[in-house]
Amino acid sequence: MRSAYATGRTSLLMKTPNHRQQAARRRMAVLCAILGLALASGVVGTLIRPASILSSQPATGPFSYFPSQ
């Protein structure tokens, strides 16, 4: 009779990820954190300052400091 531990398809003891896999996992975590922070700051910025306020302000450009002729 088989034991209860052998009935599952996955093994209980898994190999530890190697250094390359751990580094890739860390890079992915950092990338996801940066993208999540950028997304959250964009949402907060949109909620704080709606587009109607931005369109009412005069547009400034690289030559806006010089008087127009």
PDB file of N, CA and C in Angstrom:
ATOM      1  N   MET A   1       0.849  -1.180   0.000  1.00  0.00           N
ATOM      2  CA  MET A   1       0.000   0.000   0.000  1.00  0.00           C
ATOM      3  C   MET A   1       0.894   1.244   0.000  1.00  0.00           C
ATOM      4  N   ARG A   2       0.503   2.217  -0.823  1.00  0.00           N
ATOM      5  CA  ARG A   2       1.294   3.440  -0.930  1.00  0.00           C
ATOM      6  C   ARG A   2       1.000   4.375   0.232  1.00  0.00           C
ATOM      7  N   SER A   3       1.992   5.121   0.598  1.00  0.00           N
ATOM      8  CA  SER A   3       1.788   6.052   1.708  1.00  0.00           C
ATOM      9  C   SER A   3       1.023   7.283   1.229  1.00  0.00           C
ATOM     10  N   ALA A   4       0.495   8.037   2.171  1.00  0.00           N
ATOM     11  CA  ALA A   4      -0.276   9.234   1.845  1.00  0.00           C
ATOM     12  C   ALA A   4       0.617  10.313   1.237  1.00  0.00           C
ATOM     13  N   TYR A   5       1.911  10.255   1.528  1.00  0.00           N
ATOM     14  CA  TYR A   5       2.827  11.254   0.992  1.00  0.00           C
ATOM     15  C   TYR A   5       3.116  11.026  -0.489  1.00  0.00           C
ATOM     16  N   ALA A   6       2.953   9.833  -0.970  1.00  0.00           N
ATOM     17  CA  ALA A   6       3.280   9.498  -2.355  1.00  0.00           C
ATOM     18  C   ALA A   6       2.097   9.641  -3.290  1.00  0.00           C
ATOM     19  N   THR A   7       0.924  10.006  -2.798  1.00  0.00           N
ATOM     20  CA  THR A   7      -0.263  10.084  -3.654  1.00  0.00           C
ATOM     21  C   THR A   7      -0.279  11.340  -4.510  1.00  0.00           C
ATOM     22  N   GLY A   8       0.338  12.415  -4.060  1.00  0.00           N
ATOM     23  CA  GLY A   8       0.316  13.664  -4.816  1.00  0.00           C
ATOM     24  C   GLY A   8       1.244  13.621  -6.007  1.00  0.00           C
ATOM     25  N   ARG A   9       0.977  14.463  -6.987  1.00  0.00           N
ATOM     26  CA  ARG A   9       1.815  14.497  -8.173  1.00  0.00           C
ATOM     27  C   ARG A   9       3.072  15.326  -7.955  1.00  0.00           C
ATOM     28  N   THR A  10       3.008  16.277  -7.038  1.00  0.00           N
ATOM     29  CA  THR A  10       4.188  17.107  -6.780  1.00  0.00           C
ATOM     30  C   THR A  10       5.016  16.491  -5.662  1.00  0.00           C
ATOM     31  N   SER A  11       6.278  16.722  -5.720  1.00  0.00           N
ATOM     32  CA  SER A  11       7.131  16.196  -4.669  1.00  0.00           C
ATOM     33  C   SER A  11       7.142  17.155  -3.485  1.00  0.00           C
ATOM     34  N   LEU A  12       7.339  16.621  -2.328  1.00  0.00           N
ATOM     35  CA  LEU A  12       7.368  17.458  -1.134  1.00  0.00           C
ATOM     36  C   LEU A  12       8.675  18.220  -1.025  1.00  0.00           C
ATOM     37  N   LEU A  13       9.752  17.574  -1.385  1.00  0.00           N
ATOM     38  CA  LEU A  13      11.047  18.228  -1.292  1.00  0.00           C
ATOM     39  C   LEU A  13      11.401  18.820  -2.648  1.00  0.00           C
ATOM     40  N   MET A  14      11.563  20.121  -2.666  1.00  0.00           N
ATOM     41  CA  MET A  14      11.890  20.796  -3.914  1.00  0.00           C
ATOM     42  C   MET A  14      13.320  21.301  -3.846  1.00  0.00           C
ATOM     43  N   LYS A  15      13.937  21.383  -4.991  1.00  0.00           N
ATOM     44  CA  LYS A  15      15.301  21.892  -5.024  1.00  0.00           C
ATOM     45  C   LYS A  15      15.296  23.390  -4.767  1.00  0.00           C
ATOM     46  N   THR A  16      16.294  23.866  -4.076  1.00  0.00           N
ATOM     47  CA  THR A  16      16.446  25.290  -3.823  1.00  0.00           C
ATOM     48  C   THR A  16      16.824  25.988  -5.122  1.00  0.00           C
ATOM     49  N   PRO A  17      16.203  27.146  -5.414  1.00  0.00           N
ATOM     50  CA  PRO A  17      16.568  27.854  -6.641  1.00  0.00           C
ATOM     51  C   PRO A  17      18.044  28.253  -6.627  1.00  0.00           C
ATOM     52  N   ASN A  18      18.683  28.165  -7.770  1.00  0.00           N
ATOM     53  CA  ASN A  18      20.101  28.527  -7.836  1.00  0.00           C
ATOM     54  C   ASN A  18      20.252  30.045  -7.837  1.00  0.00           C
ATOM     55  N   HIS A  19      21.497  30.502  -7.859  1.00  0.00           N
ATOM     56  CA  HIS A  19      21.767  31.942  -7.753  1.00  0.00           C
ATOM     57  C   HIS A  19      21.183  32.708  -8.928  1.00  0.00           C
ATOM     58  N   ARG A  20      21.220  32.135 -10.101  1.00  0.00           N
ATOM     59  CA  ARG A  20      20.690  32.806 -11.284  1.00  0.00           C
ATOM     60  C   ARG A  20      19.171  32.979 -11.172  1.00  0.00           C
ATOM     61  N   GLN A  21      18.487  31.955 -10.692  1.00  0.00           N
ATOM     62  CA  GLN A  21      17.044  32.055 -10.519  1.00  0.00           C
ATOM     63  C   GLN A  21      16.683  33.047  -9.418  1.00  0.00           C
ATOM     64  N   GLN A  22      17.453  33.064  -8.355  1.00  0.00           N
ATOM     65  CA  GLN A  22      17.188  34.018  -7.278  1.00  0.00           C
ATOM     66  C   GLN A  22      17.412  35.452  -7.746  1.00  0.00           C
ATOM     67  N   ALA A  23      18.459  35.674  -8.532  1.00  0.00           N
ATOM     68  CA  ALA A  23      18.726  37.015  -9.053  1.00  0.00           C
ATOM     69  C   ALA A  23      17.624  37.443 -10.007  1.00  0.00           C
ATOM     70  N   ALA A  24      17.155  36.532 -10.839  1.00  0.00           N
ATOM     71  CA  ALA A  24      16.063  36.862 -11.756  1.00  0.00           C
ATOM     72  C   ALA A  24      14.787  37.176 -10.992  1.00  0.00           C
ATOM     73  N   ARG A  25      14.543  36.432  -9.917  1.00  0.00           N
ATOM     74  CA  ARG A  25      13.361  36.688  -9.102  1.00  0.00           C
ATOM     75  C   ARG A  25      13.464  38.054  -8.414  1.00  0.00           C
ATOM     76  N   ARG A  26      14.667  38.410  -7.948  1.00  0.00           N
ATOM     77  CA  ARG A  26      14.860  39.728  -7.326  1.00  0.00           C
ATOM     78  C   ARG A  26      14.671  40.846  -8.342  1.00  0.00           C
ATOM     79  N   ARG A  27      15.245  40.665  -9.542  1.00  0.00           N
ATOM     80  CA  ARG A  27      15.073  41.692 -10.582  1.00  0.00           C
ATOM     81  C   ARG A  27      13.604  41.881 -10.931  1.00  0.00           C
ATOM     82  N   MET A  28      12.859  40.780 -11.045  1.00  0.00           N
ATOM     83  CA  MET A  28      11.441  40.870 -11.372  1.00  0.00           C
ATOM     84  C   MET A  28      10.665  41.564 -10.257  1.00  0.00           C
ATOM     85  N   ALA A  29      11.026  41.293  -9.006  1.00  0.00           N
ATOM     86  CA  ALA A  29      10.357  41.943  -7.879  1.00  0.00           C
ATOM     87  C   ALA A  29      10.627  43.442  -7.873  1.00  0.00           C
ATOM     88  N   VAL A  30      11.868  43.842  -8.146  1.00  0.00           N
ATOM     89  CA  VAL A  30      12.204  45.267  -8.193  1.00  0.00           C
ATOM     90  C   VAL A  30      11.486  45.943  -9.349  1.00  0.00           C
ATOM     91  N   LEU A  31      11.456  45.305 -10.509  1.00  0.00           N
ATOM     92  CA  LEU A  31      10.772  45.872 -11.672  1.00  0.00           C
ATOM     93  C   LEU A  31       9.282  46.041 -11.406  1.00  0.00           C
ATOM     94  N   CYS A  32       8.662  45.039 -10.800  1.00  0.00           N
ATOM     95  CA  CYS A  32       7.236  45.136 -10.480  1.00  0.00           C
ATOM     96  C   CYS A  32       6.968  46.217  -9.436  1.00  0.00           C
ATOM     97  N   ALA A  33       7.877  46.369  -8.486  1.00  0.00           N
ATOM     98  CA  ALA A  33       7.709  47.421  -7.478  1.00  0.00           C
ATOM     99  C   ALA A  33       7.808  48.806  -8.103  1.00  0.00           C
ATOM    100  N   ILE A  34       8.748  48.990  -9.018  1.00  0.00           N
ATOM    101  CA  ILE A  34       8.905  50.287  -9.679  1.00  0.00           C
ATOM    102  C   ILE A  34       7.688  50.595 -10.540  1.00  0.00           C
ATOM    103  N   LEU A  35       7.228  49.605 -11.304  1.00  0.00           N
ATOM    104  CA  LEU A  35       6.050  49.825 -12.145  1.00  0.00           C
ATOM    105  C   LEU A  35       4.800  50.074 -11.302  1.00  0.00           C
ATOM    106  N   GLY A  36       4.673  49.379 -10.201  1.00  0.00           N
ATOM    107  CA  GLY A  36       3.533  49.597  -9.314  1.00  0.00           C
ATOM    108  C   GLY A  36       3.550  50.981  -8.688  1.00  0.00           C
ATOM    109  N   LEU A  37       4.724  51.441  -8.303  1.00  0.00           N
ATOM    110  CA  LEU A  37       4.842  52.783  -7.740  1.00  0.00           C
ATOM    111  C   LEU A  37       4.532  53.846  -8.782  1.00  0.00           C
ATOM    112  N   ALA A  38       4.998  53.640 -10.013  1.00  0.00           N
ATOM    113  CA  ALA A  38       4.703  54.598 -11.083  1.00  0.00           C
ATOM    114  C   ALA A  38       3.211  54.634 -11.393  1.00  0.00           C
ATOM    115  N   LEU A  39       2.584  53.477 -11.415  1.00  0.00           N
ATOM    116  CA  LEU A  39       1.146  53.421 -11.675  1.00  0.00           C
ATOM    117  C   LEU A  39       0.360  54.091 -10.554  1.00  0.00           C
ATOM    118  N   ALA A  40       0.742  53.817  -9.325  1.00  0.00           N
ATOM    119  CA  ALA A  40       0.047  54.415  -8.184  1.00  0.00           C
ATOM    120  C   ALA A  40       0.222  55.933  -8.162  1.00  0.00           C
ATOM    121  N   SER A  41       1.421  56.422  -8.464  1.00  0.00           N
ATOM    122  CA  SER A  41       1.626  57.874  -8.463  1.00  0.00           C
ATOM    123  C   SER A  41       0.870  58.531  -9.614  1.00  0.00           C
ATOM    124  N   GLY A  42       0.753  57.846 -10.745  1.00  0.00           N
ATOM    125  CA  GLY A  42      -0.047  58.385 -11.851  1.00  0.00           C
ATOM    126  C   GLY A  42      -1.522  58.470 -11.505  1.00  0.00           C
ATOM    127  N   VAL A  43      -2.032  57.460 -10.834  1.00  0.00           N
ATOM    128  CA  VAL A  43      -3.441  57.474 -10.432  1.00  0.00           C
ATOM    129  C   VAL A  43      -3.687  58.571  -9.405  1.00  0.00           C
ATOM    130  N   VAL A  44      -2.801  58.703  -8.436  1.00  0.00           N
ATOM    131  CA  VAL A  44      -2.964  59.748  -7.423  1.00  0.00           C
ATOM    132  C   VAL A  44      -2.864  61.126  -8.067  1.00  0.00           C
ATOM    133  N   GLY A  45      -1.933  61.310  -8.994  1.00  0.00           N
ATOM    134  CA  GLY A  45      -1.809  62.592  -9.682  1.00  0.00           C
ATOM    135  C   GLY A  45      -3.031  62.933 -10.502  1.00  0.00           C
ATOM    136  N   THR A  46      -3.633  61.936 -11.128  1.00  0.00           N
ATOM    137  CA  THR A  46      -4.849  62.165 -11.908  1.00  0.00           C
ATOM    138  C   THR A  46      -6.015  62.521 -11.006  1.00  0.00           C
ATOM    139  N   LEU A  47      -6.097  61.886  -9.858  1.00  0.00           N
ATOM    140  CA  LEU A  47      -7.192  62.178  -8.941  1.00  0.00           C
ATOM    141  C   LEU A  47      -7.043  63.539  -8.281  1.00  0.00           C
ATOM    142  N   ILE A  48      -5.819  63.959  -8.010  1.00  0.00           N
ATOM    143  CA  ILE A  48      -5.609  65.242  -7.344  1.00  0.00           C
ATOM    144  C   ILE A  48      -5.836  66.402  -8.305  1.00  0.00           C
ATOM    145  N   ARG A  49      -5.332  66.308  -9.532  1.00  0.00           N
ATOM    146  CA  ARG A  49      -5.439  67.399 -10.494  1.00  0.00           C
ATOM    147  C   ARG A  49      -6.132  66.886 -11.753  1.00  0.00           C
ATOM    148  N   PRO A  50      -7.440  67.124 -11.871  1.00  0.00           N
ATOM    149  CA  PRO A  50      -8.168  66.654 -13.063  1.00  0.00           C
ATOM    150  C   PRO A  50      -7.699  67.383 -14.325  1.00  0.00           C
ATOM    151  N   ALA A  51      -8.045  66.862 -15.484  1.00  0.00           N
ATOM    152  CA  ALA A  51      -7.591  67.413 -16.757  1.00  0.00           C
ATOM    153  C   ALA A  51      -8.195  68.791 -17.034  1.00  0.00           C
ATOM    154  N   SER A  52      -9.366  69.120 -16.489  1.00  0.00           N
ATOM    155  CA  SER A  52      -9.990  70.420 -16.749  1.00  0.00           C
ATOM    156  C   SER A  52      -9.154  71.565 -16.180  1.00  0.00           C
ATOM    157  N   ILE A  53      -8.481  71.346 -15.067  1.00  0.00           N
ATOM    158  CA  ILE A  53      -7.629  72.385 -14.491  1.00  0.00           C
ATOM    159  C   ILE A  53      -6.389  72.583 -15.352  1.00  0.00           C
ATOM    160  N   LEU A  54      -5.841  71.511 -15.880  1.00  0.00           N
ATOM    161  CA  LEU A  54      -4.647  71.615 -16.709  1.00  0.00           C
ATOM    162  C   LEU A  54      -4.925  72.339 -18.018  1.00  0.00           C
ATOM    163  N   SER A  55      -6.109  72.139 -18.598  1.00  0.00           N
ATOM    164  CA  SER A  55      -6.399  72.765 -19.877  1.00  0.00           C
ATOM    165  C   SER A  55      -6.690  74.264 -19.732  1.00  0.00           C
ATOM    166  N   SER A  56      -7.050  74.739 -18.545  1.00  0.00           N
ATOM    167  CA  SER A  56      -7.341  76.154 -18.360  1.00  0.00           C
ATOM    168  C   SER A  56      -6.081  76.996 -18.184  1.00  0.00           C
ATOM    169  N   GLN A  57      -4.946  76.365 -17.905  1.00  0.00           N
ATOM    170  CA  GLN A  57      -3.703  77.098 -17.718  1.00  0.00           C
ATOM    171  C   GLN A  57      -3.065  77.376 -19.078  1.00  0.00           C
ATOM    172  N   PRO A  58      -2.373  78.518 -19.217  1.00  0.00           N
ATOM    173  CA  PRO A  58      -1.715  78.801 -20.488  1.00  0.00           C
ATOM    174  C   PRO A  58      -0.576  77.825 -20.756  1.00  0.00           C
ATOM    175  N   ALA A  59      -0.410  77.486 -21.992  1.00  0.00           N
ATOM    176  CA  ALA A  59       0.648  76.553 -22.369  1.00  0.00           C
ATOM    177  C   ALA A  59       1.982  77.288 -22.399  1.00  0.00           C
ATOM    178  N   THR A  60       2.979  76.677 -21.827  1.00  0.00           N
ATOM    179  CA  THR A  60       4.319  77.259 -21.857  1.00  0.00           C
ATOM    180  C   THR A  60       5.204  76.361 -22.701  1.00  0.00           C
ATOM    181  N   GLY A  61       6.135  76.972 -23.371  1.00  0.00           N
ATOM    182  CA  GLY A  61       7.052  76.222 -24.209  1.00  0.00           C
ATOM    183  C   GLY A  61       8.457  76.753 -24.035  1.00  0.00           C
ATOM    184  N   PRO A  62       9.380  76.329 -24.871  1.00  0.00           N
ATOM    185  CA  PRO A  62      10.766  76.772 -24.713  1.00  0.00           C
ATOM    186  C   PRO A  62      10.954  78.256 -25.015  1.00  0.00           C
ATOM    187  N   PHE A  63      10.065  78.859 -25.823  1.00  0.00           N
ATOM    188  CA  PHE A  63      10.206  80.278 -26.173  1.00  0.00           C
ATOM    189  C   PHE A  63       9.134  81.143 -25.547  1.00  0.00           C
ATOM    190  N   SER A  64       8.494  80.670 -24.485  1.00  0.00           N
ATOM    191  CA  SER A  64       7.419  81.433 -23.866  1.00  0.00           C
ATOM    192  C   SER A  64       7.943  82.609 -23.050  1.00  0.00           C
ATOM    193  N   TYR A  65       9.228  82.649 -22.755  1.00  0.00           N
ATOM    194  CA  TYR A  65       9.780  83.746 -21.961  1.00  0.00           C
ATOM    195  C   TYR A  65      10.118  84.963 -22.809  1.00  0.00           C
ATOM    196  N   PHE A  66      10.194  84.785 -24.106  1.00  0.00           N
ATOM    197  CA  PHE A  66      10.480  85.897 -24.997  1.00  0.00           C
ATOM    198  C   PHE A  66       9.187  86.535 -25.469  1.00  0.00           C
ATOM    199  N   PRO A  67       9.145  87.853 -25.565  1.00  0.00           N
ATOM    200  CA  PRO A  67       7.909  88.487 -26.053  1.00  0.00           C
ATOM    201  C   PRO A  67       7.663  88.128 -27.513  1.00  0.00           C
ATOM    202  N   SER A  68       6.413  87.873 -27.823  1.00  0.00           N
ATOM    203  CA  SER A  68       6.086  87.495 -29.210  1.00  0.00           C
ATOM    204  C   SER A  68       6.015  88.750 -30.057  1.00  0.00           C
ATOM    205  N   GLN A  69       6.375  88.635 -31.337  1.00  0.00           N
ATOM    206  CA  GLN A  69       6.397  89.795 -32.236  1.00  0.00           C
ATOM    207  C   GLN A  69       5.280  89.741 -33.219  1.00  0.00           C
TER     208      GLN A  69
END
